[in-house]
Amino acid sequence: MGRGFGVFGYVWVIALAIPVNASAQSAPASLAPALQGGRFAVALHARSTRASARAEQAAWLTVTLPLDKLALPRVAQGPKVPDPTAPAAAPMPAPPTPAAERAPEAQLVSFPQLRALSEFSRRAAQVALGVVGTAAERRRLDGLGSRARASALLPELRLRAVRNTDQALRWAPTSDDPYRVSQAEGAGIILEASATFRLDRLLFAHEELAVERARQDAGEQRLKLEARVQAAVLGLFRAHELGCAGTRDDPQTTLEVLKALEHVAELDNLTAGWFSDQAPRFGLVVWGFPEAVLGACSAPQPASAPPATNPVASLENSE
């Protein structure tokens, strides 16, 4: 019976990864890392002990299962309470007036102009994103997340070497002295190695949180760049329309022309020179002539041909 309990205790000690050396006076600390809650890990340990009177080798495997997560309480979402500090809802707008009672309105933008503005805004945004390297940054962040998960295949290695000395009393009876006791001194070396595989990292690595934050920041910067390009394209169209609505002697007209040129320069900087090459085509598609981007309100008149002259009779014919 006692032997059975001893075997059971030995198996239990190995399962808990706490090796005990009964012959040593002070057992050294094991290399097994402390169990961390919420992580699924498999650790492989090895230990070699060499002393003057003995040599031992041991190896054991530990598996950490985060069963505590099953007992965590789940937070139930209650009904949404209205915020008393929130502003009151805007009143409902009045019903629209029937078409027969509305006065005819002048058409400011045509459908071809709207399609041209949308197309150039989209293409300019794509070129601007390519200039700042958005696609390369996205591939780099994806690679960081993949490498973080693949790092679970590489173990965490721990190495430990200990040199110990001990003194022991040995009973060595003889016929002359049955109570003879001798003192033995010994020195030994303990070598330990541990390899831990974090298998939970195959599904999710904690470094992915930083990668996701960097990806979110990159997405926000991309949206800001797209909004900036769109605002510049629409600002160019608005400045041209406001500049052509007044007279040439009005200072506001000159200001709107300067604003249009500023938008052209901004788009050219964001797209690294692409918009300056496409500016004549932009003015031709939107307003019907390329010079509209420069603030012209109407197409320039073609240069008139010089008047035809009648040939003068030569002196030979006159004689």
C-alpha atoms as a PDB file:
ATOM      1  CA  MET A   1       0.000   0.000   0.000  1.00  0.00           C
ATOM      2  CA  GLY A   2       2.793   2.382   0.913  1.00  0.00           C
ATOM      3  CA  ARG A   3       4.535   1.681  -2.366  1.00  0.00           C
ATOM      4  CA  GLY A   4       1.359   2.470  -4.332  1.00  0.00           C
ATOM      5  CA  PHE A   5       0.989   5.837  -2.585  1.00  0.00           C
ATOM      6  CA  GLY A   6       4.622   6.575  -3.358  1.00  0.00           C
ATOM      7  CA  VAL A   7       4.171   5.902  -7.077  1.00  0.00           C
ATOM      8  CA  PHE A   8       1.017   8.038  -7.141  1.00  0.00           C
ATOM      9  CA  GLY A   9       2.830  10.885  -5.435  1.00  0.00           C
ATOM     10  CA  TYR A  10       5.731  10.653  -7.877  1.00  0.00           C
ATOM     11  CA  VAL A  11       3.388  10.862 -10.886  1.00  0.00           C
ATOM     12  CA  TRP A  12       1.581  13.807  -9.341  1.00  0.00           C
ATOM     13  CA  VAL A  13       4.848  15.658  -8.761  1.00  0.00           C
ATOM     14  CA  ILE A  14       5.913  15.102 -12.385  1.00  0.00           C
ATOM     15  CA  ALA A  15       2.539  16.375 -13.663  1.00  0.00           C
ATOM     16  CA  LEU A  16       2.948  19.535 -11.659  1.00  0.00           C
ATOM     17  CA  ALA A  17       6.491  19.993 -13.011  1.00  0.00           C
ATOM     18  CA  ILE A  18       8.040  20.290  -9.520  1.00  0.00           C
ATOM     19  CA  PRO A  19      10.941  17.848  -9.357  1.00  0.00           C
ATOM     20  CA  VAL A  20      12.148  17.050  -5.855  1.00  0.00           C
ATOM     21  CA  ASN A  21      15.542  15.609  -5.020  1.00  0.00           C
ATOM     22  CA  ALA A  22      15.178  13.714  -1.778  1.00  0.00           C
ATOM     23  CA  SER A  23      18.862  13.126  -1.341  1.00  0.00           C
ATOM     24  CA  ALA A  24      19.854  16.790  -1.426  1.00  0.00           C
ATOM     25  CA  GLN A  25      19.536  18.921   1.650  1.00  0.00           C
ATOM     26  CA  SER A  26      18.213  21.974  -0.250  1.00  0.00           C
ATOM     27  CA  ALA A  27      16.391  21.418  -3.577  1.00  0.00           C
ATOM     28  CA  PRO A  28      17.181  24.172  -6.149  1.00  0.00           C
ATOM     29  CA  ALA A  29      14.363  26.119  -7.793  1.00  0.00           C
ATOM     30  CA  SER A  30      13.063  24.629 -11.048  1.00  0.00           C
ATOM     31  CA  LEU A  31      13.217  26.386 -14.366  1.00  0.00           C
ATOM     32  CA  ALA A  32       9.522  25.854 -14.996  1.00  0.00           C
ATOM     33  CA  PRO A  33       7.973  29.312 -15.562  1.00  0.00           C
ATOM     34  CA  ALA A  34       5.103  30.435 -13.421  1.00  0.00           C
ATOM     35  CA  LEU A  35       1.698  29.584 -14.783  1.00  0.00           C
ATOM     36  CA  GLN A  36       0.166  32.582 -16.431  1.00  0.00           C
ATOM     37  CA  GLY A  37      -3.593  32.747 -16.498  1.00  0.00           C
ATOM     38  CA  GLY A  38      -5.307  33.036 -19.828  1.00  0.00           C
ATOM     39  CA  ARG A  39      -2.536  31.440 -21.920  1.00  0.00           C
ATOM     40  CA  PHE A  40      -2.360  27.997 -23.498  1.00  0.00           C
ATOM     41  CA  ALA A  41       1.256  26.823 -23.355  1.00  0.00           C
ATOM     42  CA  VAL A  42       3.202  23.593 -23.727  1.00  0.00           C
ATOM     43  CA  ALA A  43       6.602  23.436 -21.957  1.00  0.00           C
ATOM     44  CA  LEU A  44       9.263  20.749 -22.304  1.00  0.00           C
ATOM     45  CA  HIS A  45      11.835  20.518 -19.486  1.00  0.00           C
ATOM     46  CA  ALA A  46      15.041  18.517 -19.053  1.00  0.00           C
ATOM     47  CA  ARG A  47      17.342  18.192 -16.055  1.00  0.00           C
ATOM     48  CA  SER A  48      20.698  16.498 -15.527  1.00  0.00           C
ATOM     49  CA  THR A  49      22.349  16.119 -12.122  1.00  0.00           C
ATOM     50  CA  ARG A  50      25.889  14.834 -11.694  1.00  0.00           C
ATOM     51  CA  ALA A  51      27.420  14.429  -8.251  1.00  0.00           C
ATOM     52  CA  SER A  52      30.285  12.458  -6.819  1.00  0.00           C
ATOM     53  CA  ALA A  53      28.097   9.503  -5.875  1.00  0.00           C
ATOM     54  CA  ARG A  54      25.217   9.656  -8.329  1.00  0.00           C
ATOM     55  CA  ALA A  55      24.042  10.826 -11.767  1.00  0.00           C
ATOM     56  CA  GLU A  56      20.416  11.582 -12.581  1.00  0.00           C
ATOM     57  CA  GLN A  57      18.591  12.632 -15.728  1.00  0.00           C
ATOM     58  CA  ALA A  58      14.956  13.719 -15.885  1.00  0.00           C
ATOM     59  CA  ALA A  59      12.587  15.134 -18.485  1.00  0.00           C
ATOM     60  CA  TRP A  60       8.980  16.219 -18.136  1.00  0.00           C
ATOM     61  CA  LEU A  61       6.229  17.994 -20.066  1.00  0.00           C
ATOM     62  CA  THR A  62       3.797  20.595 -18.745  1.00  0.00           C
ATOM     63  CA  VAL A  63       0.582  21.774 -20.400  1.00  0.00           C
ATOM     64  CA  THR A  64      -1.169  24.956 -19.279  1.00  0.00           C
ATOM     65  CA  LEU A  65      -4.893  25.182 -20.009  1.00  0.00           C
ATOM     66  CA  PRO A  66      -6.620  28.532 -19.256  1.00  0.00           C
ATOM     67  CA  LEU A  67      -9.804  27.042 -17.810  1.00  0.00           C
ATOM     68  CA  ASP A  68     -10.382  30.115 -15.654  1.00  0.00           C
ATOM     69  CA  LYS A  69     -11.781  31.974 -18.660  1.00  0.00           C
ATOM     70  CA  LEU A  70     -14.788  29.663 -18.693  1.00  0.00           C
ATOM     71  CA  ALA A  71     -15.819  30.928 -15.253  1.00  0.00           C
ATOM     72  CA  LEU A  72     -15.527  34.626 -16.028  1.00  0.00           C
ATOM     73  CA  PRO A  73     -18.862  36.463 -15.733  1.00  0.00           C
ATOM     74  CA  ARG A  74     -20.282  37.897 -18.903  1.00  0.00           C
ATOM     75  CA  VAL A  75     -21.409  41.493 -18.910  1.00  0.00           C
ATOM     76  CA  ALA A  76     -24.958  41.848 -20.152  1.00  0.00           C
ATOM     77  CA  GLN A  77     -25.827  44.948 -22.114  1.00  0.00           C
ATOM     78  CA  GLY A  78     -28.684  46.796 -20.536  1.00  0.00           C
ATOM     79  CA  PRO A  79     -31.096  49.187 -22.193  1.00  0.00           C
ATOM     80  CA  LYS A  80     -29.542  52.345 -23.525  1.00  0.00           C
ATOM     81  CA  VAL A  81     -30.210  55.311 -21.250  1.00  0.00           C
ATOM     82  CA  PRO A  82     -30.602  58.638 -23.040  1.00  0.00           C
ATOM     83  CA  ASP A  83     -27.980  61.238 -22.198  1.00  0.00           C
ATOM     84  CA  PRO A  84     -29.603  64.247 -20.480  1.00  0.00           C
ATOM     85  CA  THR A  85     -26.753  66.512 -21.631  1.00  0.00           C
ATOM     86  CA  ALA A  86     -27.241  65.637 -25.297  1.00  0.00           C
ATOM     87  CA  PRO A  87     -28.824  68.360 -27.435  1.00  0.00           C
ATOM     88  CA  ALA A  88     -32.462  68.035 -28.296  1.00  0.00           C
ATOM     89  CA  ALA A  89     -33.427  66.563 -31.623  1.00  0.00           C
ATOM     90  CA  ALA A  90     -33.901  69.002 -34.452  1.00  0.00           C
ATOM     91  CA  PRO A  91     -37.487  69.677 -35.460  1.00  0.00           C
ATOM     92  CA  MET A  92     -38.859  67.876 -38.464  1.00  0.00           C
ATOM     93  CA  PRO A  93     -38.494  69.886 -41.679  1.00  0.00           C
ATOM     94  CA  ALA A  94     -41.567  71.197 -43.374  1.00  0.00           C
ATOM     95  CA  PRO A  95     -42.976  69.087 -46.187  1.00  0.00           C
ATOM     96  CA  PRO A  96     -41.574  70.023 -49.586  1.00  0.00           C
ATOM     97  CA  THR A  97     -43.533  72.364 -51.768  1.00  0.00           C
ATOM     98  CA  PRO A  98     -45.158  70.753 -54.799  1.00  0.00           C
ATOM     99  CA  ALA A  99     -43.282  71.104 -58.033  1.00  0.00           C
ATOM    100  CA  ALA A 100     -46.072  73.169 -59.570  1.00  0.00           C
ATOM    101  CA  GLU A 101     -45.702  75.855 -56.853  1.00  0.00           C
ATOM    102  CA  ARG A 102     -41.870  76.098 -56.907  1.00  0.00           C
ATOM    103  CA  ALA A 103     -40.169  78.669 -59.019  1.00  0.00           C
ATOM    104  CA  PRO A 104     -37.764  77.385 -61.647  1.00  0.00           C
ATOM    105  CA  GLU A 105     -34.148  77.317 -60.427  1.00  0.00           C
ATOM    106  CA  ALA A 106     -31.033  77.819 -62.475  1.00  0.00           C
ATOM    107  CA  GLN A 107     -28.884  74.718 -62.940  1.00  0.00           C
ATOM    108  CA  LEU A 108     -25.437  75.297 -61.418  1.00  0.00           C
ATOM    109  CA  VAL A 109     -23.761  71.958 -62.187  1.00  0.00           C
ATOM    110  CA  SER A 110     -24.502  69.558 -65.007  1.00  0.00           C
ATOM    111  CA  PHE A 111     -24.238  65.792 -64.809  1.00  0.00           C
ATOM    112  CA  PRO A 112     -21.162  65.650 -67.084  1.00  0.00           C
ATOM    113  CA  GLN A 113     -19.425  68.140 -64.791  1.00  0.00           C
ATOM    114  CA  LEU A 114     -20.391  66.103 -61.729  1.00  0.00           C
ATOM    115  CA  ARG A 115     -19.045  62.895 -63.261  1.00  0.00           C
ATOM    116  CA  ALA A 116     -15.827  64.642 -64.295  1.00  0.00           C
ATOM    117  CA  LEU A 117     -15.307  66.058 -60.794  1.00  0.00           C
ATOM    118  CA  SER A 118     -15.874  62.648 -59.201  1.00  0.00           C
ATOM    119  CA  GLU A 119     -13.530  60.901 -61.630  1.00  0.00           C
ATOM    120  CA  PHE A 120     -10.685  63.393 -61.215  1.00  0.00           C
ATOM    121  CA  SER A 121     -11.124  63.432 -57.432  1.00  0.00           C
ATOM    122  CA  ARG A 122     -10.930  59.646 -57.287  1.00  0.00           C
ATOM    123  CA  ARG A 123      -7.912  59.426 -59.582  1.00  0.00           C
ATOM    124  CA  ALA A 124      -6.095  62.233 -57.776  1.00  0.00           C
ATOM    125  CA  ALA A 125      -6.711  60.477 -54.427  1.00  0.00           C
ATOM    126  CA  GLN A 126      -5.287  57.207 -55.798  1.00  0.00           C
ATOM    127  CA  VAL A 127      -2.187  58.970 -57.100  1.00  0.00           C
ATOM    128  CA  ALA A 128      -1.711  60.814 -53.770  1.00  0.00           C
ATOM    129  CA  LEU A 129      -1.998  57.531 -51.835  1.00  0.00           C
ATOM    130  CA  GLY A 130       0.558  55.959 -54.149  1.00  0.00           C
ATOM    131  CA  VAL A 131       2.936  58.876 -53.547  1.00  0.00           C
ATOM    132  CA  VAL A 132       2.928  58.378 -49.754  1.00  0.00           C
ATOM    133  CA  GLY A 133       3.231  54.582 -50.136  1.00  0.00           C
ATOM    134  CA  THR A 134      -0.055  53.512 -48.549  1.00  0.00           C
ATOM    135  CA  ALA A 135      -0.066  50.069 -50.180  1.00  0.00           C
ATOM    136  CA  ALA A 136       3.504  49.330 -49.065  1.00  0.00           C
ATOM    137  CA  GLU A 137       2.688  50.402 -45.502  1.00  0.00           C
ATOM    138  CA  ARG A 138      -0.358  48.140 -45.477  1.00  0.00           C
ATOM    139  CA  ARG A 139       1.717  45.166 -46.665  1.00  0.00           C
ATOM    140  CA  ARG A 140       4.325  45.897 -44.007  1.00  0.00           C
ATOM    141  CA  LEU A 141       1.729  45.911 -41.216  1.00  0.00           C
ATOM    142  CA  ASP A 142       0.221  42.659 -42.504  1.00  0.00           C
ATOM    143  CA  GLY A 143       3.680  41.108 -42.448  1.00  0.00           C
ATOM    144  CA  LEU A 144       4.217  42.211 -38.842  1.00  0.00           C
ATOM    145  CA  GLY A 145       0.990  40.513 -37.743  1.00  0.00           C
ATOM    146  CA  SER A 146       1.847  37.292 -39.585  1.00  0.00           C
ATOM    147  CA  ARG A 147       5.343  37.139 -38.098  1.00  0.00           C
ATOM    148  CA  ALA A 148       3.954  37.720 -34.605  1.00  0.00           C
ATOM    149  CA  ARG A 149       1.659  34.681 -34.953  1.00  0.00           C
ATOM    150  CA  ALA A 150       4.366  32.550 -36.554  1.00  0.00           C
ATOM    151  CA  SER A 151       6.684  33.223 -33.603  1.00  0.00           C
ATOM    152  CA  ALA A 152       4.669  30.654 -31.612  1.00  0.00           C
ATOM    153  CA  LEU A 153       6.582  27.929 -33.466  1.00  0.00           C
ATOM    154  CA  LEU A 154       9.825  29.140 -31.871  1.00  0.00           C
ATOM    155  CA  PRO A 155      10.186  28.073 -28.222  1.00  0.00           C
ATOM    156  CA  GLU A 156      11.318  30.157 -25.288  1.00  0.00           C
ATOM    157  CA  LEU A 157      14.597  28.588 -24.124  1.00  0.00           C
ATOM    158  CA  ARG A 158      15.740  28.729 -20.513  1.00  0.00           C
ATOM    159  CA  LEU A 159      19.117  27.354 -19.386  1.00  0.00           C
ATOM    160  CA  ARG A 160      20.405  26.971 -15.816  1.00  0.00           C
ATOM    161  CA  ALA A 161      23.620  25.579 -14.313  1.00  0.00           C
ATOM    162  CA  VAL A 162      24.148  25.085 -10.559  1.00  0.00           C
ATOM    163  CA  ARG A 163      27.166  23.717  -8.672  1.00  0.00           C
ATOM    164  CA  ASN A 164      26.373  22.441  -5.187  1.00  0.00           C
ATOM    165  CA  THR A 165      28.288  20.866  -2.347  1.00  0.00           C
ATOM    166  CA  ASP A 166      26.852  18.701   0.408  1.00  0.00           C
ATOM    167  CA  GLN A 167      27.977  16.848   3.525  1.00  0.00           C
ATOM    168  CA  ALA A 168      26.345  13.619   4.602  1.00  0.00           C
ATOM    169  CA  LEU A 169      26.777  11.136   7.443  1.00  0.00           C
ATOM    170  CA  ARG A 170      26.960   7.509   6.395  1.00  0.00           C
ATOM    171  CA  TRP A 171      26.501   4.551   8.722  1.00  0.00           C
ATOM    172  CA  ALA A 172      29.263   2.052   8.044  1.00  0.00           C
ATOM    173  CA  PRO A 173      29.131  -0.604  10.847  1.00  0.00           C
ATOM    174  CA  THR A 174      31.989  -3.025  11.371  1.00  0.00           C
ATOM    175  CA  SER A 175      32.448  -6.020  13.626  1.00  0.00           C
ATOM    176  CA  ASP A 176      34.650  -3.997  15.957  1.00  0.00           C
ATOM    177  CA  ASP A 177      32.501  -0.827  15.850  1.00  0.00           C
ATOM    178  CA  PRO A 178      28.854  -1.487  14.979  1.00  0.00           C
ATOM    179  CA  TYR A 179      27.955   2.208  15.403  1.00  0.00           C
ATOM    180  CA  ARG A 180      30.615   3.576  13.129  1.00  0.00           C
ATOM    181  CA  VAL A 181      29.533   6.718  11.201  1.00  0.00           C
ATOM    182  CA  SER A 182      31.604   8.357   8.476  1.00  0.00           C
ATOM    183  CA  GLN A 183      31.264  11.812   6.995  1.00  0.00           C
ATOM    184  CA  ALA A 184      31.128  12.139   3.209  1.00  0.00           C
ATOM    185  CA  GLU A 185      31.545  15.340   1.260  1.00  0.00           C
ATOM    186  CA  GLY A 186      30.528  15.653  -2.339  1.00  0.00           C
ATOM    187  CA  ALA A 187      30.234  18.257  -5.088  1.00  0.00           C
ATOM    188  CA  GLY A 188      27.794  18.128  -7.950  1.00  0.00           C
ATOM    189  CA  ILE A 189      26.625  20.058 -11.015  1.00  0.00           C
ATOM    190  CA  ILE A 190      22.958  20.510 -11.970  1.00  0.00           C
ATOM    191  CA  LEU A 191      22.138  21.421 -15.566  1.00  0.00           C
ATOM    192  CA  GLU A 192      18.577  22.375 -16.470  1.00  0.00           C
ATOM    193  CA  ALA A 193      16.986  23.293 -19.795  1.00  0.00           C
ATOM    194  CA  SER A 194      13.418  24.380 -20.574  1.00  0.00           C
ATOM    195  CA  ALA A 195      11.663  25.000 -23.904  1.00  0.00           C
ATOM    196  CA  THR A 196       8.206  26.626 -23.770  1.00  0.00           C
ATOM    197  CA  PHE A 197       5.899  26.832 -26.801  1.00  0.00           C
ATOM    198  CA  ARG A 198       3.201  29.531 -26.601  1.00  0.00           C
ATOM    199  CA  LEU A 199       0.643  27.822 -28.811  1.00  0.00           C
ATOM    200  CA  ASP A 200      -2.014  30.443 -28.146  1.00  0.00           C
ATOM    201  CA  ARG A 201       0.041  32.854 -30.278  1.00  0.00           C
ATOM    202  CA  LEU A 202      -0.885  30.834 -33.358  1.00  0.00           C
ATOM    203  CA  LEU A 203      -4.382  32.301 -33.092  1.00  0.00           C
ATOM    204  CA  PHE A 204      -3.646  35.681 -31.541  1.00  0.00           C
ATOM    205  CA  ALA A 205      -0.429  37.418 -30.505  1.00  0.00           C
ATOM    206  CA  HIS A 206      -0.379  40.377 -28.141  1.00  0.00           C
ATOM    207  CA  GLU A 207       1.829  42.279 -30.588  1.00  0.00           C
ATOM    208  CA  GLU A 208      -1.120  42.361 -32.979  1.00  0.00           C
ATOM    209  CA  LEU A 209      -2.756  44.999 -30.782  1.00  0.00           C
ATOM    210  CA  ALA A 210       0.046  47.443 -31.559  1.00  0.00           C
ATOM    211  CA  VAL A 211      -0.141  46.454 -35.235  1.00  0.00           C
ATOM    212  CA  GLU A 212      -3.891  47.093 -35.285  1.00  0.00           C
ATOM    213  CA  ARG A 213      -3.378  50.509 -33.677  1.00  0.00           C
ATOM    214  CA  ALA A 214      -0.768  51.340 -36.308  1.00  0.00           C
ATOM    215  CA  ARG A 215      -3.128  50.087 -39.039  1.00  0.00           C
ATOM    216  CA  GLN A 216      -5.945  52.240 -37.606  1.00  0.00           C
ATOM    217  CA  ASP A 217      -3.686  55.310 -37.537  1.00  0.00           C
ATOM    218  CA  ALA A 218      -2.644  54.626 -41.138  1.00  0.00           C
ATOM    219  CA  GLY A 219      -6.313  54.314 -42.140  1.00  0.00           C
ATOM    220  CA  GLU A 220      -7.119  57.637 -40.503  1.00  0.00           C
ATOM    221  CA  GLN A 221      -4.237  59.307 -42.315  1.00  0.00           C
ATOM    222  CA  ARG A 222      -5.442  57.782 -45.585  1.00  0.00           C
ATOM    223  CA  LEU A 223      -8.957  59.145 -45.038  1.00  0.00           C
ATOM    224  CA  LYS A 224      -7.551  62.583 -44.202  1.00  0.00           C
ATOM    225  CA  LEU A 225      -5.477  62.571 -47.379  1.00  0.00           C
ATOM    226  CA  GLU A 226      -8.462  61.552 -49.496  1.00  0.00           C
ATOM    227  CA  ALA A 227     -10.597  64.259 -47.871  1.00  0.00           C
ATOM    228  CA  ARG A 228      -7.859  66.827 -48.509  1.00  0.00           C
ATOM    229  CA  VAL A 229      -7.650  65.914 -52.188  1.00  0.00           C
ATOM    230  CA  GLN A 230     -11.428  65.994 -52.565  1.00  0.00           C
ATOM    231  CA  ALA A 231     -11.634  69.377 -50.818  1.00  0.00           C
ATOM    232  CA  ALA A 232      -8.953  70.776 -53.142  1.00  0.00           C
ATOM    233  CA  VAL A 233     -10.765  69.561 -56.282  1.00  0.00           C
ATOM    234  CA  LEU A 234     -14.101  70.937 -55.120  1.00  0.00           C
ATOM    235  CA  GLY A 235     -12.418  74.158 -53.960  1.00  0.00           C
ATOM    236  CA  LEU A 236     -10.943  74.594 -57.427  1.00  0.00           C
ATOM    237  CA  PHE A 237     -14.376  74.204 -59.002  1.00  0.00           C
ATOM    238  CA  ARG A 238     -15.990  76.569 -56.478  1.00  0.00           C
ATOM    239  CA  ALA A 239     -13.316  79.241 -56.900  1.00  0.00           C
ATOM    240  CA  HIS A 240     -13.727  79.170 -60.680  1.00  0.00           C
ATOM    241  CA  GLU A 241     -17.503  79.461 -60.496  1.00  0.00           C
ATOM    242  CA  LEU A 242     -17.388  82.311 -57.972  1.00  0.00           C
ATOM    243  CA  GLY A 243     -14.694  84.096 -59.936  1.00  0.00           C
ATOM    244  CA  CYS A 244     -16.703  83.957 -63.157  1.00  0.00           C
ATOM    245  CA  ALA A 245     -19.885  85.096 -61.391  1.00  0.00           C
ATOM    246  CA  GLY A 246     -18.533  88.633 -60.855  1.00  0.00           C
ATOM    247  CA  THR A 247     -16.866  91.218 -62.998  1.00  0.00           C
ATOM    248  CA  ARG A 248     -13.183  91.415 -63.770  1.00  0.00           C
ATOM    249  CA  ASP A 249     -12.843  94.738 -61.917  1.00  0.00           C
ATOM    250  CA  ASP A 250     -14.193  93.253 -58.681  1.00  0.00           C
ATOM    251  CA  PRO A 251     -11.411  92.475 -56.136  1.00  0.00           C
ATOM    252  CA  GLN A 252     -13.336  89.398 -55.030  1.00  0.00           C
ATOM    253  CA  THR A 253     -12.994  87.974 -58.524  1.00  0.00           C
ATOM    254  CA  THR A 254      -9.209  88.329 -58.379  1.00  0.00           C
ATOM    255  CA  LEU A 255      -9.213  86.668 -54.952  1.00  0.00           C
ATOM    256  CA  GLU A 256     -11.176  83.692 -56.272  1.00  0.00           C
ATOM    257  CA  VAL A 257      -8.753  83.306 -59.193  1.00  0.00           C
ATOM    258  CA  LEU A 258      -5.849  83.231 -56.745  1.00  0.00           C
ATOM    259  CA  LYS A 259      -7.652  80.629 -54.667  1.00  0.00           C
ATOM    260  CA  ALA A 260      -8.111  78.476 -57.762  1.00  0.00           C
ATOM    261  CA  LEU A 261      -4.382  78.681 -58.488  1.00  0.00           C
ATOM    262  CA  GLU A 262      -3.612  77.746 -54.865  1.00  0.00           C
ATOM    263  CA  HIS A 263      -5.781  74.644 -55.189  1.00  0.00           C
ATOM    264  CA  VAL A 264      -3.996  73.702 -58.397  1.00  0.00           C
ATOM    265  CA  ALA A 265      -0.619  74.025 -56.658  1.00  0.00           C
ATOM    266  CA  GLU A 266      -1.850  71.984 -53.669  1.00  0.00           C
ATOM    267  CA  LEU A 267      -3.127  69.180 -55.891  1.00  0.00           C
ATOM    268  CA  ASP A 268       0.135  69.228 -57.833  1.00  0.00           C
ATOM    269  CA  ASN A 269       2.138  68.821 -54.591  1.00  0.00           C
ATOM    270  CA  LEU A 270      -0.091  66.022 -53.272  1.00  0.00           C
ATOM    271  CA  THR A 271       0.131  64.062 -56.521  1.00  0.00           C
ATOM    272  CA  ALA A 272       3.835  64.753 -57.200  1.00  0.00           C
ATOM    273  CA  GLY A 273       3.206  66.611 -60.471  1.00  0.00           C
ATOM    274  CA  TRP A 274       0.429  64.399 -61.828  1.00  0.00           C
ATOM    275  CA  PHE A 275      -2.299  67.046 -61.622  1.00  0.00           C
ATOM    276  CA  SER A 276      -0.305  69.676 -63.494  1.00  0.00           C
ATOM    277  CA  ASP A 277      -0.120  67.275 -66.440  1.00  0.00           C
ATOM    278  CA  GLN A 278      -3.844  66.555 -66.210  1.00  0.00           C
ATOM    279  CA  ALA A 279      -4.951  70.162 -65.566  1.00  0.00           C
ATOM    280  CA  PRO A 280      -5.639  71.008 -69.261  1.00  0.00           C
ATOM    281  CA  ARG A 281      -7.757  67.880 -69.641  1.00  0.00           C
ATOM    282  CA  PHE A 282      -9.530  68.668 -66.353  1.00  0.00           C
ATOM    283  CA  GLY A 283     -10.508  72.135 -67.613  1.00  0.00           C
ATOM    284  CA  LEU A 284     -11.552  70.719 -70.995  1.00  0.00           C
ATOM    285  CA  VAL A 285     -13.815  68.040 -69.487  1.00  0.00           C
ATOM    286  CA  VAL A 286     -15.387  70.184 -66.755  1.00  0.00           C
ATOM    287  CA  TRP A 287     -15.715  73.613 -68.418  1.00  0.00           C
ATOM    288  CA  GLY A 288     -15.102  72.887 -72.087  1.00  0.00           C
ATOM    289  CA  PHE A 289     -11.701  74.579 -72.573  1.00  0.00           C
ATOM    290  CA  PRO A 290      -8.292  73.981 -70.931  1.00  0.00           C
ATOM    291  CA  GLU A 291      -7.652  77.584 -69.866  1.00  0.00           C
ATOM    292  CA  ALA A 292     -10.508  77.430 -67.346  1.00  0.00           C
ATOM    293  CA  VAL A 293      -8.130  76.002 -64.732  1.00  0.00           C
ATOM    294  CA  LEU A 294      -6.129  79.248 -64.906  1.00  0.00           C
ATOM    295  CA  GLY A 295      -9.219  81.342 -64.119  1.00  0.00           C
ATOM    296  CA  ALA A 296     -10.454  82.090 -67.617  1.00  0.00           C
ATOM    297  CA  CYS A 297     -14.240  82.309 -67.853  1.00  0.00           C
ATOM    298  CA  SER A 298     -14.529  81.831 -71.591  1.00  0.00           C
ATOM    299  CA  ALA A 299     -12.502  80.127 -74.242  1.00  0.00           C
ATOM    300  CA  PRO A 300      -9.938  82.432 -75.905  1.00  0.00           C
ATOM    301  CA  GLN A 301     -10.756  83.534 -79.388  1.00  0.00           C
ATOM    302  CA  PRO A 302      -8.621  81.914 -82.077  1.00  0.00           C
ATOM    303  CA  ALA A 303      -6.051  84.200 -83.625  1.00  0.00           C
ATOM    304  CA  SER A 304      -7.405  85.836 -86.798  1.00  0.00           C
ATOM    305  CA  ALA A 305      -5.577  85.102 -90.052  1.00  0.00           C
ATOM    306  CA  PRO A 306      -3.738  88.032 -91.698  1.00  0.00           C
ATOM    307  CA  PRO A 307      -5.667  89.666 -94.587  1.00  0.00           C
ATOM    308  CA  ALA A 308      -4.869  88.398 -98.018  1.00  0.00           C
ATOM    309  CA  THR A 309      -2.858  90.747-100.228  1.00  0.00           C
ATOM    310  CA  ASN A 310      -3.079  91.044-103.991  1.00  0.00           C
ATOM    311  CA  PRO A 311       0.162  90.363-105.852  1.00  0.00           C
ATOM    312  CA  VAL A 312       1.839  93.451-107.202  1.00  0.00           C
ATOM    313  CA  ALA A 313       2.724  93.469-110.877  1.00  0.00           C
ATOM    314  CA  SER A 314       6.369  93.181-111.534  1.00  0.00           C
ATOM    315  CA  LEU A 315       8.281  95.803-113.441  1.00  0.00           C
ATOM    316  CA  GLU A 316       8.918  93.419-116.296  1.00  0.00           C
ATOM    317  CA  ASN A 317       5.204  93.016-116.958  1.00  0.00           C
ATOM    318  CA  SER A 318       4.616  96.770-116.723  1.00  0.00           C
ATOM    319  CA  GLU A 319       7.103  97.465-119.479  1.00  0.00           C
END
